[in-house]
């Protein structure tokens, strides 16, 4: 029984807190928020007298507030007044939608549907942005085309589906767009059998990643094949070439140290209880070889416009290092400790394959190059 009373107390407390919250918002003049909170609480308790009073009065004052603002905006000479009026009607329509979702509140308040006003003033606001965009288009430069694109996009927010604005926005985007052709890296006279395959993958990865995230809305990257298929005349061209791509040679560094141990070299047995051992020192020399291979690549980057003028250069460096260590010995094996033997028995690692080295160099250059290009074009 105590649990039932406790549960009832909690429910009543929550309802009271909800009502109190709506009342508090109303008393502070936050009429829109008060309507929303009260409407939600009325879904659980449609007959609550205080909630009914709050939502009725809150809606009345909210409408008065928004309509006063609309009246003031209508008297303004600012061309953006239609947009401001639209926003006020949008707020009024949100109140209508909020109350409509709660039948008890809808029957009590009978809110006004402002959808026709939204359509009317949305079209007026969209038309202002359309005209502003068309004025920017007359300047006939990429920065103006970008501004025009922004105006047309704002217009579509007020009048979605307007085909005239949509077509104008598409025209502005195409005019503002910088089309960049990425030329495959030259081979630098590299003759390894797998090189061309690796280089082609490198080129494909670069273009694919730049297309996915160019760094700017108004920059688009093309591979040679993509540009050919789309009949694109590039505004700028990125040429990449390896100024250095060397598979390093094997280098060995040696370190030697001597080990020794006293071992039994002779035993004389006089009786089972009498054995004389003769010791002698044996020695061995352990040679440890550290084998290394350092491979390096430098990717030169040149960007020029469609007139052939160089506008940016850079150089991206990458490297791949490999090393292994193994040991051998000369001398008497009996001088070796267990740890020495473990070192001597270590399996020798083979140097990496040529294609693996190229792939690693590519990966070390890859992200750095992409980031630099994105950074460069981020201001476009």
Protein backbone atom coordinates (compact mmCIF):
# COMPACT_ATOMS: atom_id res chain seq x y z
CA UNK A 1 0.00 0.00 0.00
CA UNK A 2 2.84 2.38 0.83
CA UNK A 3 4.32 1.77 -2.63
CA UNK A 4 1.01 2.75 -4.28
CA UNK A 5 0.84 5.96 -2.28
CA UNK A 6 4.44 6.73 -3.12
CA UNK A 7 3.86 6.18 -6.84
CA UNK A 8 0.76 8.37 -6.79
CA UNK A 9 2.68 11.08 -4.98
CA UNK A 10 5.45 10.98 -7.61
CA UNK A 11 2.96 11.23 -10.51
CA UNK A 12 1.14 14.15 -8.89
CA UNK A 13 4.45 15.86 -8.18
CA UNK A 14 5.57 15.50 -11.78
CA UNK A 15 2.31 16.90 -13.10
CA UNK A 16 2.53 19.79 -10.66
CA UNK A 17 6.13 20.43 -11.64
CA UNK A 18 5.13 20.43 -15.33
CA UNK A 19 2.36 22.90 -14.70
CA UNK A 20 4.63 25.00 -12.58
CA UNK A 21 7.22 25.02 -15.37
CA UNK A 22 4.69 26.19 -17.96
CA UNK A 23 3.39 28.83 -15.55
CA UNK A 24 6.91 30.03 -14.86
CA UNK A 25 7.63 30.40 -18.57
CA UNK A 26 4.37 32.32 -18.98
CA UNK A 27 5.15 34.65 -16.08
CA UNK A 28 8.55 35.43 -17.64
CA UNK A 29 6.96 36.27 -20.98
CA UNK A 30 8.29 33.18 -22.79
CA UNK A 31 4.91 32.57 -24.35
CA UNK A 32 5.97 30.27 -27.21
CA UNK A 33 7.83 27.97 -24.83
CA UNK A 34 4.95 28.04 -22.36
CA UNK A 35 2.55 26.89 -25.08
CA UNK A 36 4.81 23.99 -26.01
CA UNK A 37 5.32 22.80 -22.41
CA UNK A 38 1.65 23.17 -21.50
CA UNK A 39 0.49 21.33 -24.64
CA UNK A 40 2.71 18.35 -23.87
CA UNK A 41 1.48 18.20 -20.26
CA UNK A 42 -2.13 18.38 -21.38
CA UNK A 43 -1.66 15.17 -23.33
CA UNK A 44 -1.41 13.43 -19.95
CA UNK A 45 -3.89 15.57 -18.04
CA UNK A 46 -6.24 17.38 -20.47
CA UNK A 47 -8.56 18.59 -17.72
CA UNK A 48 -5.99 20.33 -15.54
CA UNK A 49 -7.46 23.78 -14.96
CA UNK A 50 -4.19 25.60 -14.51
CA UNK A 51 -2.65 24.07 -17.63
CA UNK A 52 -5.74 25.04 -19.65
CA UNK A 53 -5.49 28.60 -18.39
CA UNK A 54 -1.76 28.82 -19.11
CA UNK A 55 -1.98 27.51 -22.68
CA UNK A 56 -4.96 29.72 -23.53
CA UNK A 57 -3.34 32.89 -22.22
CA UNK A 58 0.14 32.02 -23.51
CA UNK A 59 -1.17 31.48 -27.01
CA UNK A 60 -3.09 34.76 -26.92
CA UNK A 61 -0.05 36.78 -25.93
CA UNK A 62 2.29 34.89 -28.26
CA UNK A 63 0.05 35.70 -31.23
CA UNK A 64 -0.16 39.33 -30.14
CA UNK A 65 3.63 39.53 -29.84
CA UNK A 66 4.36 38.01 -33.27
CA UNK A 67 1.64 40.00 -35.03
CA UNK A 68 2.97 43.25 -33.57
CA UNK A 69 6.40 42.43 -34.95
CA UNK A 70 4.90 41.58 -38.34
CA UNK A 71 3.10 44.96 -38.39
CA UNK A 72 6.34 46.79 -37.58
CA UNK A 73 8.29 44.89 -40.23
CA UNK A 74 5.61 45.60 -42.84
CA UNK A 75 6.25 49.32 -42.42
CA UNK A 76 10.00 48.92 -43.00
CA UNK A 77 11.73 49.88 -46.25
CA UNK A 78 14.35 47.15 -45.84
CA UNK A 79 14.14 44.56 -48.63
CA UNK A 80 14.63 41.80 -46.05
CA UNK A 81 11.35 42.67 -44.32
CA UNK A 82 9.59 39.80 -46.11
CA UNK A 83 12.10 37.38 -44.64
CA UNK A 84 11.59 38.79 -41.15
CA UNK A 85 7.81 38.58 -41.54
CA UNK A 86 8.11 35.04 -42.82
CA UNK A 87 10.06 34.06 -39.71
CA UNK A 88 7.34 35.47 -37.48
CA UNK A 89 4.64 33.61 -39.41
CA UNK A 90 6.78 30.48 -39.14
CA UNK A 91 6.80 30.87 -35.35
CA UNK A 92 3.02 31.31 -35.35
CA UNK A 93 2.61 28.22 -37.51
CA UNK A 94 4.79 26.25 -35.09
CA UNK A 95 2.38 27.24 -32.31
CA UNK A 96 -0.51 26.00 -34.43
CA UNK A 97 1.24 22.67 -35.10
CA UNK A 98 2.12 22.22 -31.42
CA UNK A 99 -1.47 22.76 -30.29
CA UNK A 100 -2.88 20.69 -33.17
CA UNK A 101 -1.03 17.62 -31.85
CA UNK A 102 -2.95 17.88 -28.56
CA UNK A 103 -6.69 17.55 -29.29
CA UNK A 104 -7.79 18.88 -25.89
CA UNK A 105 -5.65 21.98 -26.35
CA UNK A 106 -6.81 22.43 -29.94
CA UNK A 107 -10.49 22.38 -28.91
CA UNK A 108 -9.76 24.89 -26.16
CA UNK A 109 -7.59 27.40 -28.06
CA UNK A 110 -8.76 27.09 -31.69
CA UNK A 111 -5.39 28.31 -33.06
CA UNK A 112 -5.07 30.02 -36.44
CA UNK A 113 -3.49 28.17 -39.35
CA UNK A 114 -0.88 30.47 -40.95
CA UNK A 115 0.20 28.14 -43.75
CA UNK A 116 -1.15 30.46 -46.47
CA UNK A 117 0.79 33.41 -45.02
CA UNK A 118 3.91 31.25 -44.91
CA UNK A 119 3.51 30.45 -48.58
CA UNK A 120 2.89 34.09 -49.52
CA UNK A 121 5.72 35.65 -47.56
CA UNK A 122 8.06 32.77 -48.28
CA UNK A 123 7.67 33.51 -51.98
CA UNK A 124 8.27 37.23 -51.37
CA UNK A 125 11.41 36.54 -49.32
CA UNK A 126 12.66 34.05 -51.91
CA UNK A 127 12.13 36.59 -54.69
CA UNK A 128 14.32 39.12 -52.85
CA UNK A 129 17.19 36.64 -52.62
CA UNK A 130 16.67 35.66 -56.25
CA UNK A 131 16.95 39.29 -57.40
CA UNK A 132 20.01 39.86 -55.22
CA UNK A 133 21.61 36.75 -56.68
CA UNK A 134 20.92 37.86 -60.24
CA UNK A 135 22.59 41.20 -59.52
CA UNK A 136 25.71 39.39 -58.27
CA UNK A 137 25.76 37.24 -61.40
CA UNK A 138 26.28 40.40 -63.48
CA UNK A 139 29.71 40.96 -61.92
CA UNK A 140 30.97 37.92 -63.83
CA UNK A 141 33.73 36.77 -61.46
CA UNK A 142 34.01 33.65 -59.34
CA UNK A 143 33.67 35.40 -55.98
CA UNK A 144 30.47 37.10 -57.15
CA UNK A 145 29.16 33.80 -58.46
CA UNK A 146 29.75 32.28 -55.01
CA UNK A 147 27.79 35.10 -53.37
CA UNK A 148 25.02 34.64 -55.92
CA UNK A 149 24.94 30.92 -55.17
CA UNK A 150 24.50 31.70 -51.46
CA UNK A 151 21.63 34.09 -52.24
CA UNK A 152 19.84 31.54 -54.43
CA UNK A 153 20.27 28.83 -51.80
CA UNK A 154 18.75 31.16 -49.18
CA UNK A 155 15.88 31.80 -51.57
CA UNK A 156 15.18 28.07 -51.91
CA UNK A 157 14.96 27.81 -48.12
CA UNK A 158 11.93 30.13 -48.28
CA UNK A 159 10.42 28.70 -51.46
CA UNK A 160 11.51 25.05 -51.89
CA UNK A 161 10.88 23.63 -55.32
CA UNK A 162 11.04 26.97 -57.12
CA UNK A 163 12.51 25.86 -60.44
CA UNK A 164 13.68 29.32 -61.49
CA UNK A 165 15.73 29.74 -58.32
CA UNK A 166 17.01 26.16 -58.54
CA UNK A 167 18.19 26.68 -62.13
CA UNK A 168 19.84 29.97 -61.23
CA UNK A 169 21.60 28.36 -58.29
CA UNK A 170 22.90 25.59 -60.55
CA UNK A 171 24.20 28.19 -63.01
CA UNK A 172 25.89 30.14 -60.22
CA UNK A 173 27.52 27.01 -58.84
CA UNK A 174 28.86 25.97 -62.24
CA UNK A 175 30.23 29.46 -62.79
CA UNK A 176 31.81 29.60 -59.32
CA UNK A 177 33.31 26.13 -59.53
CA UNK A 178 37.06 25.68 -59.96
CA UNK A 179 37.73 22.47 -61.86
CA UNK A 180 41.08 20.95 -61.05
CA UNK A 181 42.76 18.25 -63.13
CA UNK A 182 45.18 15.97 -61.28
CA UNK A 183 47.88 14.71 -63.65
CA UNK A 184 49.42 11.30 -62.81
CA UNK A 185 52.89 11.38 -61.29
CA UNK A 186 55.77 10.90 -63.71
CA UNK A 187 57.85 7.76 -63.24
CA UNK A 188 61.23 9.47 -62.81
CA UNK A 189 62.77 6.75 -64.97
CA UNK A 190 61.90 4.11 -62.40
CA UNK A 191 62.18 0.64 -63.95
CA UNK A 192 60.97 -1.79 -61.28
CA UNK A 193 58.36 -4.14 -62.63
CA UNK A 194 55.65 -3.31 -60.09
CA UNK A 195 56.17 0.47 -60.11
CA UNK A 196 53.61 1.44 -62.74
CA UNK A 197 50.91 -0.55 -60.96
CA UNK A 198 51.67 1.09 -57.62
CA UNK A 199 51.79 4.54 -59.18
CA UNK A 200 48.41 4.07 -60.81
CA UNK A 201 46.90 3.10 -57.48
CA UNK A 202 48.52 6.16 -55.94
CA UNK A 203 46.90 8.39 -58.55
CA UNK A 204 43.48 6.79 -58.12
CA UNK A 205 43.62 7.12 -54.33
CA UNK A 206 44.55 10.80 -54.51
CA UNK A 207 41.73 11.74 -56.86
CA UNK A 208 39.16 9.62 -55.01
CA UNK A 209 40.00 11.20 -51.65
CA UNK A 210 40.05 14.74 -53.03
CA UNK A 211 36.71 14.17 -54.72
CA UNK A 212 35.25 12.92 -51.44
CA UNK A 213 36.50 15.96 -49.50
CA UNK A 214 37.90 18.74 -51.67
CA UNK A 215 38.30 21.29 -48.88
CA UNK A 216 35.88 23.71 -50.58
CA UNK A 217 32.33 23.56 -51.91
CA UNK A 218 33.49 25.32 -55.05
CA UNK A 219 36.39 23.04 -56.00
CA UNK A 220 36.06 19.76 -57.88
CA UNK A 221 38.90 17.39 -58.76
CA UNK A 222 39.15 15.21 -61.84
CA UNK A 223 41.42 12.46 -62.99
CA UNK A 224 42.50 12.59 -66.62
CA UNK A 225 39.96 9.93 -67.50
CA UNK A 226 37.13 11.65 -65.60
CA UNK A 227 37.85 14.97 -67.29
CA UNK A 228 37.89 13.33 -70.70
CA UNK A 229 34.57 11.55 -70.17
CA UNK A 230 32.90 14.70 -68.84
CA UNK A 231 34.43 16.96 -71.52
CA UNK A 232 35.82 19.17 -68.76
CA UNK A 233 38.20 22.00 -69.51
CA UNK A 234 40.11 22.46 -66.23
CA UNK A 235 40.66 25.84 -64.60
CA UNK A 236 43.77 24.57 -62.84
CA UNK A 237 46.06 21.58 -63.17
CA UNK A 238 47.98 19.75 -60.46
CA UNK A 239 51.09 18.04 -61.75
CA UNK A 240 52.85 15.62 -59.43
CA UNK A 241 56.18 14.01 -60.16
CA UNK A 242 58.69 12.07 -58.15
CA UNK A 243 61.91 14.04 -58.04
CA UNK A 244 63.35 11.14 -56.07
CA UNK A 245 62.21 7.59 -55.58
CA UNK A 246 64.99 5.34 -54.39
CA UNK A 247 64.83 1.81 -53.07
CA UNK A 248 67.68 1.86 -50.59
CA UNK A 249 70.56 -0.57 -50.66
CA UNK A 250 71.34 -2.98 -47.84
CA UNK A 251 73.75 -1.65 -45.24
CA UNK A 252 75.34 -3.78 -42.54
CA UNK A 253 76.81 -2.55 -39.29
CA UNK A 254 78.82 -5.01 -37.21
CA UNK A 255 79.47 -5.25 -33.49
CA UNK A 256 81.60 -7.97 -31.91
CA UNK A 257 82.23 -9.11 -28.38
CA UNK A 258 84.04 -12.05 -26.84
CA UNK A 259 82.66 -14.54 -24.36
CA UNK A 260 84.51 -17.13 -22.33
CA UNK A 261 83.78 -19.92 -19.88
CA UNK A 262 85.75 -22.40 -17.76
CA UNK A 263 84.88 -25.90 -18.86
CA UNK A 264 86.06 -29.40 -17.92
CA UNK A 265 88.60 -30.62 -20.43
CA UNK A 266 89.78 -33.75 -18.60
CA UNK A 267 88.57 -36.04 -15.83
CA UNK A 268 90.76 -38.54 -13.93
CA UNK A 269 88.85 -41.19 -12.00
CA UNK A 270 90.73 -42.90 -9.21
CA UNK A 271 87.66 -44.38 -7.59
CA UNK A 272 83.94 -43.70 -7.58
CA UNK A 273 84.50 -41.27 -4.76
CA UNK A 274 87.65 -39.76 -6.16
CA UNK A 275 87.39 -37.85 -9.47
CA UNK A 276 89.86 -35.16 -10.43
CA UNK A 277 88.59 -32.57 -12.99
CA UNK A 278 90.89 -30.42 -15.03
CA UNK A 279 89.49 -27.05 -16.25
CA UNK A 280 90.47 -24.82 -19.11
CA UNK A 281 89.06 -21.52 -20.43
CA UNK A 282 87.35 -21.64 -23.81
CA UNK A 283 86.51 -18.58 -25.87
CA UNK A 284 84.19 -17.52 -28.68
CA UNK A 285 83.67 -14.32 -30.61
CA UNK A 286 80.06 -13.24 -31.34
CA UNK A 287 79.44 -10.92 -34.26
CA UNK A 288 76.07 -9.12 -34.36
CA UNK A 289 74.97 -7.69 -37.69
CA UNK A 290 72.43 -4.87 -37.87
CA UNK A 291 71.09 -4.84 -41.41
CA UNK A 292 69.20 -1.74 -42.56
CA UNK A 293 67.61 -0.39 -45.68
CA UNK A 294 66.39 3.22 -46.05
CA UNK A 295 64.18 4.11 -49.02
CA UNK A 296 63.07 7.63 -49.81
CA UNK A 297 60.73 9.46 -52.11
CA UNK A 298 60.13 13.13 -52.88
CA UNK A 299 56.92 14.15 -54.60
CA UNK A 300 57.11 17.50 -56.37
CA UNK A 301 53.82 19.37 -56.72
CA UNK A 302 53.11 22.16 -59.20
CA UNK A 303 49.75 23.85 -59.70
CA UNK A 304 49.22 26.08 -62.72
CA UNK A 305 46.19 27.76 -64.22
CA UNK A 306 44.77 27.11 -67.68
CA UNK A 307 47.13 29.75 -69.09
CA UNK A 308 50.14 27.79 -67.86
CA UNK A 309 51.06 30.23 -65.08
CA UNK A 310 52.46 28.55 -61.97
CA UNK A 311 50.39 29.51 -58.91
CA UNK A 312 51.67 27.10 -56.26
CA UNK A 313 54.54 24.66 -55.73
CA UNK A 314 55.35 22.24 -52.93
CA UNK A 315 57.48 19.21 -52.14
CA UNK A 316 56.31 16.26 -50.07
CA UNK A 317 58.90 13.91 -48.58
CA UNK A 318 58.32 10.33 -47.52
CA UNK A 319 60.57 7.53 -46.37
CA UNK A 320 60.49 3.89 -45.36
CA UNK A 321 63.10 2.29 -43.12
CA UNK A 322 63.63 -1.42 -42.49
CA UNK A 323 66.06 -3.13 -40.15
CA UNK A 324 66.82 -6.53 -38.75
CA UNK A 325 69.47 -7.98 -36.46
CA UNK A 326 71.14 -11.37 -36.29
CA UNK A 327 74.36 -12.91 -34.92
CA UNK A 328 77.03 -15.48 -35.73
CA UNK A 329 80.05 -16.76 -33.84
CA UNK A 330 83.50 -18.17 -34.24
CA UNK A 331 85.44 -20.13 -31.68
CA UNK A 332 84.37 -22.74 -29.17
CA UNK A 333 80.62 -23.29 -28.90
CA UNK A 334 81.06 -24.33 -25.26
CA UNK A 335 81.80 -20.71 -24.38
CA UNK A 336 78.27 -19.67 -25.33
CA UNK A 337 75.61 -19.07 -22.70
CA UNK A 338 71.97 -19.97 -23.18
CA UNK A 339 71.16 -16.32 -23.96
CA UNK A 340 73.94 -16.25 -26.57
CA UNK A 341 72.46 -19.31 -28.23
CA UNK A 342 69.00 -17.76 -28.37
CA UNK A 343 70.45 -14.73 -30.13
CA UNK A 344 72.36 -16.94 -32.55
CA UNK A 345 69.29 -19.00 -33.36
CA UNK A 346 67.16 -15.97 -34.20
CA UNK A 347 65.58 -16.21 -37.66
CA UNK A 348 66.96 -13.76 -40.18
CA UNK A 349 64.32 -11.44 -41.67
CA UNK A 350 64.40 -10.92 -45.41
CA UNK A 351 64.32 -7.39 -46.86
CA UNK A 352 60.86 -6.21 -47.99
CA UNK A 353 59.79 -6.62 -51.59
CA UNK A 354 60.12 -3.71 -53.99
CA UNK A 355 56.36 -3.24 -54.32
CA UNK A 356 55.97 -3.22 -50.53
CA UNK A 357 58.61 -0.53 -50.19
CA UNK A 358 56.92 1.59 -52.85
CA UNK A 359 53.58 1.14 -51.10
CA UNK A 360 55.03 2.26 -47.77
CA UNK A 361 56.67 5.33 -49.32
CA UNK A 362 53.39 6.16 -50.98
CA UNK A 363 51.52 5.88 -47.69
CA UNK A 364 54.02 8.12 -45.91
CA UNK A 365 53.52 10.79 -48.60
CA UNK A 366 49.82 10.17 -49.17
CA UNK A 367 48.00 11.84 -46.27
CA UNK A 368 50.43 14.76 -46.13
CA UNK A 369 49.93 15.54 -49.80
CA UNK A 370 46.12 15.30 -49.53
CA UNK A 371 46.06 17.61 -46.51
CA UNK A 372 48.29 20.18 -48.19
CA UNK A 373 46.15 20.28 -51.32
CA UNK A 374 42.94 20.56 -49.29
CA UNK A 375 44.45 23.32 -47.21
CA UNK A 376 45.47 25.21 -50.33
CA UNK A 377 42.02 25.00 -51.88
CA UNK A 378 40.10 25.63 -48.65
CA UNK A 379 40.13 29.39 -49.34
CA UNK A 380 38.57 29.02 -52.81
